[in-house]
PDB file of N, CA and C in Angstrom:
ATOM      1  N   MET A   1     125.116 124.350  92.298  1.00  0.00           N
ATOM      2  CA  MET A   1     124.132 123.665  91.450  1.00  0.00           C
ATOM      3  C   MET A   1     122.968 122.996  91.929  1.00  0.00           C
ATOM      4  N   THR A   2     123.499 122.074  92.623  1.00  0.00           N
ATOM      5  CA  THR A   2     123.308 120.988  93.032  1.00  0.00           C
ATOM      6  C   THR A   2     121.942 120.990  94.324  1.00  0.00           C
ATOM      7  N   SER A   3     122.709 122.124  94.681  1.00  0.00           N
ATOM      8  CA  SER A   3     121.531 122.573  95.665  1.00  0.00           C
ATOM      9  C   SER A   3     120.172 122.864  95.512  1.00  0.00           C
ATOM     10  N   GLN A   4     119.967 123.730  94.338  1.00  0.00           N
ATOM     11  CA  GLN A   4     119.074 124.203  93.896  1.00  0.00           C
ATOM     12  C   GLN A   4     118.208 123.100  93.176  1.00  0.00           C
ATOM     13  N   ILE A   5     118.292 121.815  93.083  1.00  0.00           N
ATOM     14  CA  ILE A   5     117.827 120.637  92.481  1.00  0.00           C
ATOM     15  C   ILE A   5     117.272 120.139  93.516  1.00  0.00           C
ATOM     16  N   SER A   6     115.671 120.138  93.331  1.00  0.00           N
ATOM     17  CA  SER A   6     114.811 119.655  94.723  1.00  0.00           C
ATOM     18  C   SER A   6     114.832 117.925  94.379  1.00  0.00           C
ATOM     19  N   GLU A   7     114.752 117.320  95.798  1.00  0.00           N
ATOM     20  CA  GLU A   7     114.685 115.628  95.924  1.00  0.00           C
ATOM     21  C   GLU A   7     113.995 115.251  94.642  1.00  0.00           C
ATOM     22  N   GLY A   8     112.401 115.669  94.741  1.00  0.00           N
ATOM     23  CA  GLY A   8     111.753 115.160  94.028  1.00  0.00           C
ATOM     24  C   GLY A   8     111.814 115.119  92.590  1.00  0.00           C
ATOM     25  N   ARG A   9     112.621 116.167  92.030  1.00  0.00           N
ATOM     26  CA  ARG A   9     113.439 116.120  90.348  1.00  0.00           C
ATOM     27  C   ARG A   9     114.727 115.166  90.314  1.00  0.00           C
ATOM     28  N   LYS A  10     115.195 114.703  91.275  1.00  0.00           N
ATOM     29  CA  LYS A  10     116.438 114.407  91.656  1.00  0.00           C
ATOM     30  C   LYS A  10     115.678 112.549  91.753  1.00  0.00           C
ATOM     31  N   THR A  11     114.712 112.043  92.055  1.00  0.00           N
ATOM     32  CA  THR A  11     114.104 110.957  92.281  1.00  0.00           C
ATOM     33  C   THR A  11     113.607 110.627  90.864  1.00  0.00           C
ATOM     34  N   LEU A  12     112.852 111.652  90.232  1.00  0.00           N
ATOM     35  CA  LEU A  12     112.190 111.577  89.078  1.00  0.00           C
ATOM     36  C   LEU A  12     113.693 111.030  88.010  1.00  0.00           C
ATOM     37  N   TYR A  13     114.216 111.818  88.065  1.00  0.00           N
ATOM     38  CA  TYR A  13     115.284 111.328  86.977  1.00  0.00           C
ATOM     39  C   TYR A  13     116.155 110.274  87.248  1.00  0.00           C
ATOM     40  N   TYR A  14     116.374 110.145  88.077  1.00  0.00           N
ATOM     41  CA  TYR A  14     116.932 108.480  88.423  1.00  0.00           C
ATOM     42  C   TYR A  14     116.056 107.003  88.363  1.00  0.00           C
ATOM     43  N   PHE A  15     115.050 107.415  88.526  1.00  0.00           N
ATOM     44  CA  PHE A  15     113.584 106.847  88.184  1.00  0.00           C
ATOM     45  C   PHE A  15     113.466 106.518  86.716  1.00  0.00           C
ATOM     46  N   GLY A  16     113.781 107.224  85.725  1.00  0.00           N
ATOM     47  CA  GLY A  16     113.638 107.536  84.723  1.00  0.00           C
ATOM     48  C   GLY A  16     115.238 106.797  84.201  1.00  0.00           C
ATOM     49  N   LEU A  17     116.133 107.098  84.501  1.00  0.00           N
ATOM     50  CA  LEU A  17     117.182 106.354  84.430  1.00  0.00           C
ATOM     51  C   LEU A  17     116.833 104.654  84.606  1.00  0.00           C
ATOM     52  N   ALA A  18     116.590 104.344  85.467  1.00  0.00           N
ATOM     53  CA  ALA A  18     116.274 102.814  86.088  1.00  0.00           C
ATOM     54  C   ALA A  18     115.506 102.201  84.912  1.00  0.00           C
ATOM     55  N   LEU A  19     114.602 102.816  84.366  1.00  0.00           N
ATOM     56  CA  LEU A  19     113.199 102.557  83.766  1.00  0.00           C
ATOM     57  C   LEU A  19     114.038 102.466  81.860  1.00  0.00           C
ATOM     58  N   MET A  20     115.316 103.337  82.083  1.00  0.00           N
ATOM     59  CA  MET A  20     115.710 103.074  80.407  1.00  0.00           C
ATOM     60  C   MET A  20     116.636 102.048  80.306  1.00  0.00           C
ATOM     61  N   ILE A  21     116.937 101.670  81.803  1.00  0.00           N
ATOM     62  CA  ILE A  21     118.210 100.533  81.612  1.00  0.00           C
ATOM     63  C   ILE A  21     117.465  99.504  81.776  1.00  0.00           C
ATOM     64  N   ILE A  22     116.242  99.326  82.307  1.00  0.00           N
ATOM     65  CA  ILE A  22     115.805  98.048  82.222  1.00  0.00           C
ATOM     66  C   ILE A  22     115.051  97.784  81.017  1.00  0.00           C
ATOM     67  N   GLY A  23     114.390  98.875  80.369  1.00  0.00           N
ATOM     68  CA  GLY A  23     113.930  98.749  79.111  1.00  0.00           C
ATOM     69  C   GLY A  23     115.252  98.002  78.034  1.00  0.00           C
ATOM     70  N   GLY A  24     116.106  99.171  78.189  1.00  0.00           N
ATOM     71  CA  GLY A  24     117.185  98.559  77.373  1.00  0.00           C
ATOM     72  C   GLY A  24     118.014  97.283  77.410  1.00  0.00           C
ATOM     73  N   ILE A  25     117.691  96.741  78.408  1.00  0.00           N
ATOM     74  CA  ILE A  25     117.899  95.129  78.810  1.00  0.00           C
ATOM     75  C   ILE A  25     117.195  94.124  77.980  1.00  0.00           C
ATOM     76  N   LEU A  26     115.654  94.559  78.385  1.00  0.00           N
ATOM     77  CA  LEU A  26     114.621  93.688  78.020  1.00  0.00           C
ATOM     78  C   LEU A  26     114.582  93.563  76.034  1.00  0.00           C
ATOM     79  N   PHE A  27     114.803  95.119  75.543  1.00  0.00           N
ATOM     80  CA  PHE A  27     114.889  94.962  74.066  1.00  0.00           C
ATOM     81  C   PHE A  27     116.378  94.343  73.632  1.00  0.00           C
ATOM     82  N   PHE A  28     117.385  94.480  73.935  1.00  0.00           N
ATOM     83  CA  PHE A  28     118.538  93.849  73.435  1.00  0.00           C
ATOM     84  C   PHE A  28     118.803  92.202  74.003  1.00  0.00           C
ATOM     85  N   SER A  29     117.840  91.836  75.188  1.00  0.00           N
ATOM     86  CA  SER A  29     117.992  90.428  74.974  1.00  0.00           C
ATOM     87  C   SER A  29     117.208  89.863  74.106  1.00  0.00           C
ATOM     88  N   ASN A  30     116.561  90.353  73.326  1.00  0.00           N
ATOM     89  CA  ASN A  30     116.019  89.375  72.328  1.00  0.00           C
ATOM     90  C   ASN A  30     116.732  89.190  71.250  1.00  0.00           C
ATOM     91  N   PHE A  31     117.842  90.035  71.187  1.00  0.00           N
ATOM     92  CA  PHE A  31     119.146  89.733  70.142  1.00  0.00           C
ATOM     93  C   PHE A  31     120.227  88.477  70.626  1.00  0.00           C
ATOM     94  N   VAL A  32     120.258  88.454  71.851  1.00  0.00           N
ATOM     95  CA  VAL A  32     121.019  87.329  72.240  1.00  0.00           C
ATOM     96  C   VAL A  32     119.852  86.060  72.486  1.00  0.00           C
ATOM     97  N   ILE A  33     118.775  85.890  72.850  1.00  0.00           N
ATOM     98  CA  ILE A  33     117.932  84.931  72.916  1.00  0.00           C
ATOM     99  C   ILE A  33     117.752  84.518  71.198  1.00  0.00           C
ATOM    100  N   MET A  34     117.773  85.016  70.215  1.00  0.00           N
ATOM    101  CA  MET A  34     117.549  84.979  68.848  1.00  0.00           C
ATOM    102  C   MET A  34     118.870  83.844  68.132  1.00  0.00           C
ATOM    103  N   ALA A  35     119.958  84.758  68.835  1.00  0.00           N
ATOM    104  CA  ALA A  35     121.577  84.208  68.719  1.00  0.00           C
ATOM    105  C   ALA A  35     121.875  82.905  68.990  1.00  0.00           C
ATOM    106  N   LEU A  36     121.179  82.506  70.922  1.00  0.00           N
ATOM    107  CA  LEU A  36     121.395  81.516  71.532  1.00  0.00           C
ATOM    108  C   LEU A  36     120.538  80.136  70.346  1.00  0.00           C
ATOM    109  N   ASN A  37     118.988  80.878  70.465  1.00  0.00           N
ATOM    110  CA  ASN A  37     118.361  79.862  69.424  1.00  0.00           C
ATOM    111  C   ASN A  37     118.138  79.439  68.099  1.00  0.00           C
ATOM    112  N   PHE A  38     119.177  79.939  67.367  1.00  0.00           N
ATOM    113  CA  PHE A  38     119.157  80.083  66.267  1.00  0.00           C
ATOM    114  C   PHE A  38     118.939  78.766  65.431  1.00  0.00           C
ATOM    115  N   GLY A  39     118.172  78.770  64.815  1.00  0.00           N
ATOM    116  CA  GLY A  39     117.895  77.400  63.603  1.00  0.00           C
ATOM    117  C   GLY A  39     116.750  76.197  64.482  1.00  0.00           C
ATOM    118  N   ASP A  40     116.106  76.642  65.694  1.00  0.00           N
ATOM    119  CA  ASP A  40     115.586  75.863  66.465  1.00  0.00           C
ATOM    120  C   ASP A  40     114.004  76.250  66.294  1.00  0.00           C
ATOM    121  N   PHE A  41     113.272  75.572  65.612  1.00  0.00           N
ATOM    122  CA  PHE A  41     111.745  76.387  65.412  1.00  0.00           C
ATOM    123  C   PHE A  41     110.698  75.794  66.581  1.00  0.00           C
ATOM    124  N   SER A  42     111.127  75.044  67.028  1.00  0.00           N
ATOM    125  CA  SER A  42     110.180  74.256  67.948  1.00  0.00           C
ATOM    126  C   SER A  42     109.345  75.261  69.045  1.00  0.00           C
ATOM    127  N   ASP A  43     108.134  75.274  69.061  1.00  0.00           N
ATOM    128  CA  ASP A  43     107.423  76.262  70.150  1.00  0.00           C
ATOM    129  C   ASP A  43     107.351  77.962  69.161  1.00  0.00           C
ATOM    130  N   MET A  44     107.458  77.890  67.962  1.00  0.00           N
ATOM    131  CA  MET A  44     107.285  79.099  67.528  1.00  0.00           C
ATOM    132  C   MET A  44     106.656  80.185  67.924  1.00  0.00           C
ATOM    133  N   LYS A  45     105.589  79.675  68.345  1.00  0.00           N
ATOM    134  CA  LYS A  45     104.052  80.679  68.511  1.00  0.00           C
ATOM    135  C   LYS A  45     104.755  81.541  70.192  1.00  0.00           C
ATOM    136  N   ASP A  46     104.869  80.671  70.825  1.00  0.00           N
ATOM    137  CA  ASP A  46     104.781  81.383  71.921  1.00  0.00           C
ATOM    138  C   ASP A  46     106.233  82.062  71.898  1.00  0.00           C
ATOM    139  N   SER A  47     107.018  81.619  71.460  1.00  0.00           N
ATOM    140  CA  SER A  47     108.670  82.217  70.989  1.00  0.00           C
ATOM    141  C   SER A  47     108.290  83.833  70.611  1.00  0.00           C
ATOM    142  N   ALA A  48     107.558  83.880  69.741  1.00  0.00           N
ATOM    143  CA  ALA A  48     107.207  85.061  68.848  1.00  0.00           C
ATOM    144  C   ALA A  48     106.444  86.250  69.756  1.00  0.00           C
ATOM    145  N   GLN A  49     105.560  85.075  70.812  1.00  0.00           N
ATOM    146  CA  GLN A  49     104.506  86.161  71.266  1.00  0.00           C
ATOM    147  C   GLN A  49     106.006  86.783  72.684  1.00  0.00           C
ATOM    148  N   ASN A  50     106.687  86.181  73.265  1.00  0.00           N
ATOM    149  CA  ASN A  50     107.542  86.673  74.084  1.00  0.00           C
ATOM    150  C   ASN A  50     108.426  87.589  73.307  1.00  0.00           C
ATOM    151  N   PHE A  51     108.988  87.398  72.386  1.00  0.00           N
ATOM    152  CA  PHE A  51     109.903  88.288  71.373  1.00  0.00           C
ATOM    153  C   PHE A  51     109.016  89.462  71.857  1.00  0.00           C
ATOM    154  N   LEU A  52     107.878  89.505  70.958  1.00  0.00           N
ATOM    155  CA  LEU A  52     107.634  90.841  70.919  1.00  0.00           C
ATOM    156  C   LEU A  52     107.120  91.487  71.986  1.00  0.00           C
ATOM    157  N   LEU A  53     106.662  90.658  73.153  1.00  0.00           N
ATOM    158  CA  LEU A  53     106.527  92.000  74.315  1.00  0.00           C
ATOM    159  C   LEU A  53     107.638  92.249  74.581  1.00  0.00           C
ATOM    160  N   ARG A  54     108.700  91.295  74.756  1.00  0.00           N
ATOM    161  CA  ARG A  54     109.805  91.835  75.083  1.00  0.00           C
ATOM    162  C   ARG A  54     110.513  93.225  74.461  1.00  0.00           C
ATOM    163  N   ALA A  55     110.204  93.151  73.013  1.00  0.00           N
ATOM    164  CA  ALA A  55     110.961  94.294  72.273  1.00  0.00           C
ATOM    165  C   ALA A  55     109.779  95.793  72.350  1.00  0.00           C
ATOM    166  N   VAL A  56     108.400  95.322  72.538  1.00  0.00           N
ATOM    167  CA  VAL A  56     107.512  96.319  72.628  1.00  0.00           C
ATOM    168  C   VAL A  56     107.849  96.836  73.863  1.00  0.00           C
ATOM    169  N   GLY A  57     107.822  95.890  75.459  1.00  0.00           N
ATOM    170  CA  GLY A  57     108.040  96.586  76.560  1.00  0.00           C
ATOM    171  C   GLY A  57     108.898  97.379  76.897  1.00  0.00           C
ATOM    172  N   GLY A  58     110.400  97.036  76.173  1.00  0.00           N
ATOM    173  CA  GLY A  58     111.664  97.440  76.458  1.00  0.00           C
ATOM    174  C   GLY A  58     111.292  98.679  75.513  1.00  0.00           C
ATOM    175  N   MET A  59     111.027  98.842  74.507  1.00  0.00           N
ATOM    176  CA  MET A  59     110.922  99.949  73.866  1.00  0.00           C
ATOM    177  C   MET A  59     110.009 101.212  74.523  1.00  0.00           C
ATOM    178  N   GLY A  60     109.208 100.660  74.905  1.00  0.00           N
ATOM    179  CA  GLY A  60     107.990 101.407  75.657  1.00  0.00           C
ATOM    180  C   GLY A  60     108.299 102.075  77.027  1.00  0.00           C
ATOM    181  N   LEU A  61     109.293 101.334  78.043  1.00  0.00           N
ATOM    182  CA  LEU A  61     110.316 101.592  78.909  1.00  0.00           C
ATOM    183  C   LEU A  61     111.551 102.598  78.219  1.00  0.00           C
ATOM    184  N   LEU A  62     111.859 102.562  77.837  1.00  0.00           N
ATOM    185  CA  LEU A  62     113.118 103.248  77.284  1.00  0.00           C
ATOM    186  C   LEU A  62     112.386 104.831  76.657  1.00  0.00           C
ATOM    187  N   ILE A  63     111.006 104.968  76.138  1.00  0.00           N
ATOM    188  CA  ILE A  63     110.441 105.937  75.776  1.00  0.00           C
ATOM    189  C   ILE A  63     110.059 106.727  77.399  1.00  0.00           C
ATOM    190  N   VAL A  64     109.111 106.003  78.325  1.00  0.00           N
ATOM    191  CA  VAL A  64     108.818 106.840  79.559  1.00  0.00           C
ATOM    192  C   VAL A  64     110.099 107.196  80.243  1.00  0.00           C
ATOM    193  N   GLY A  65     110.915 106.177  80.253  1.00  0.00           N
ATOM    194  CA  GLY A  65     112.344 106.480  81.510  1.00  0.00           C
ATOM    195  C   GLY A  65     112.594 107.680  80.605  1.00  0.00           C
ATOM    196  N   GLY A  66     112.937 107.948  79.408  1.00  0.00           N
ATOM    197  CA  GLY A  66     113.657 109.419  78.677  1.00  0.00           C
ATOM    198  C   GLY A  66     112.678 110.581  78.744  1.00  0.00           C
ATOM    199  N   PHE A  67     111.067 110.436  78.825  1.00  0.00           N
ATOM    200  CA  PHE A  67     110.237 111.430  78.932  1.00  0.00           C
ATOM    201  C   PHE A  67     110.565 111.927  80.587  1.00  0.00           C
ATOM    202  N   LEU A  68     110.476 110.755  81.612  1.00  0.00           N
ATOM    203  CA  LEU A  68     110.642 111.360  83.018  1.00  0.00           C
ATOM    204  C   LEU A  68     112.019 111.864  83.506  1.00  0.00           C
ATOM    205  N   ARG A  69     113.025 111.600  82.512  1.00  0.00           N
ATOM    206  CA  ARG A  69     114.497 112.050  82.792  1.00  0.00           C
ATOM    207  C   ARG A  69     114.591 113.900  82.322  1.00  0.00           C
ATOM    208  N   SER A  70     113.875 113.970  81.394  1.00  0.00           N
ATOM    209  CA  SER A  70     113.859 114.952  80.702  1.00  0.00           C
ATOM    210  C   SER A  70     113.068 115.762  81.589  1.00  0.00           C
ATOM    211  N   ILE A  71     111.751 115.604  82.595  1.00  0.00           N
ATOM    212  CA  ILE A  71     110.831 116.326  83.206  1.00  0.00           C
ATOM    213  C   ILE A  71     112.065 116.397  84.427  1.00  0.00           C
ATOM    214  N   GLY A  72     112.551 115.551  85.250  1.00  0.00           N
ATOM    215  CA  GLY A  72     113.785 115.500  86.214  1.00  0.00           C
ATOM    216  C   GLY A  72     115.059 116.594  85.830  1.00  0.00           C
ATOM    217  N   SER A  73     115.163 116.326  84.846  1.00  0.00           N
ATOM    218  CA  SER A  73     116.612 117.200  84.930  1.00  0.00           C
ATOM    219  C   SER A  73     116.251 118.553  84.593  1.00  0.00           C
ATOM    220  N   ARG A  74     115.197 118.765  83.526  1.00  0.00           N
ATOM    221  CA  ARG A  74     114.915 120.465  83.272  1.00  0.00           C
ATOM    222  C   ARG A  74     113.549 121.122  83.764  1.00  0.00           C
ATOM    223  N   GLY A  75     112.972 120.297  84.844  1.00  0.00           N
ATOM    224  CA  GLY A  75     111.901 120.532  85.269  1.00  0.00           C
ATOM    225  C   GLY A  75     110.670 120.545  84.557  1.00  0.00           C
ATOM    226  N   LEU A  76     109.375 120.937  84.665  1.00  0.00           N
ATOM    227  CA  LEU A  76     107.996 121.031  84.207  1.00  0.00           C
ATOM    228  C   LEU A  76     108.327 121.965  82.903  1.00  0.00           C
ATOM    229  N   ALA A  77     108.517 122.925  83.269  1.00  0.00           N
ATOM    230  CA  ALA A  77     108.536 123.875  82.361  1.00  0.00           C
ATOM    231  C   ALA A  77     109.931 123.701  81.253  1.00  0.00           C
ATOM    232  N   GLY A  78     110.933 123.542  81.399  1.00  0.00           N
ATOM    233  CA  GLY A  78     112.003 123.517  81.023  1.00  0.00           C
ATOM    234  C   GLY A  78     111.653 122.084  79.900  1.00  0.00           C
ATOM    235  N   SER A  79     111.200 121.232  80.182  1.00  0.00           N
ATOM    236  CA  SER A  79     110.935 120.006  79.630  1.00  0.00           C
ATOM    237  C   SER A  79     110.113 120.108  78.348  1.00  0.00           C
ATOM    238  N   GLY A  80     109.041 121.192  78.366  1.00  0.00           N
ATOM    239  CA  GLY A  80     107.646 121.358  77.760  1.00  0.00           C
ATOM    240  C   GLY A  80     106.829 121.090  78.117  1.00  0.00           C
ATOM    241  N   VAL A  81     106.519 120.774  79.125  1.00  0.00           N
ATOM    242  CA  VAL A  81     105.103 119.938  79.861  1.00  0.00           C
ATOM    243  C   VAL A  81     104.322 121.599  80.061  1.00  0.00           C
ATOM    244  N   LEU A  82     105.079 122.450  80.723  1.00  0.00           N
ATOM    245  CA  LEU A  82     104.231 123.658  81.131  1.00  0.00           C
ATOM    246  C   LEU A  82     104.944 124.548  80.052  1.00  0.00           C
ATOM    247  N   LEU A  83     103.260 125.236  79.371  1.00  0.00           N
ATOM    248  CA  LEU A  83     104.231 126.097  78.070  1.00  0.00           C
ATOM    249  C   LEU A  83     104.382 127.818  78.418  1.00  0.00           C
ATOM    250  N   ASN A  84     103.484 127.705  79.587  1.00  0.00           N
ATOM    251  CA  ASN A  84     103.642 129.193  79.614  1.00  0.00           C
ATOM    252  C   ASN A  84     103.550 129.332  81.220  1.00  0.00           C
ATOM    253  N   PRO A  85     105.164 129.120  81.948  1.00  0.00           N
ATOM    254  CA  PRO A  85     104.887 128.927  83.548  1.00  0.00           C
ATOM    255  C   PRO A  85     104.991 130.220  83.750  1.00  0.00           C
ATOM    256  N   ASP A  86     104.291 130.470  85.195  1.00  0.00           N
ATOM    257  CA  ASP A  86     104.615 132.215  85.764  1.00  0.00           C
ATOM    258  C   ASP A  86     105.830 132.180  86.484  1.00  0.00           C
TER     259      ASP A  86
END
């Protein structure tokens, strides 16, 4: 079965997996940072902006990585990108 999967699809699958891991680390790092800085309200504006960027960026990487993994695992036709392949 592994000989039927092209190198491009394998690369796309593992690249999507790497993006999902990075996105998960970014997103869940917010919870660790919140716990470490509990009760410290100094420099709140910059902290809130960084929190939002990490959360949205992490979720974006999780979504894009999942999409790339689905294309890599099933191909363009199997993932729904091509609706009527020949």
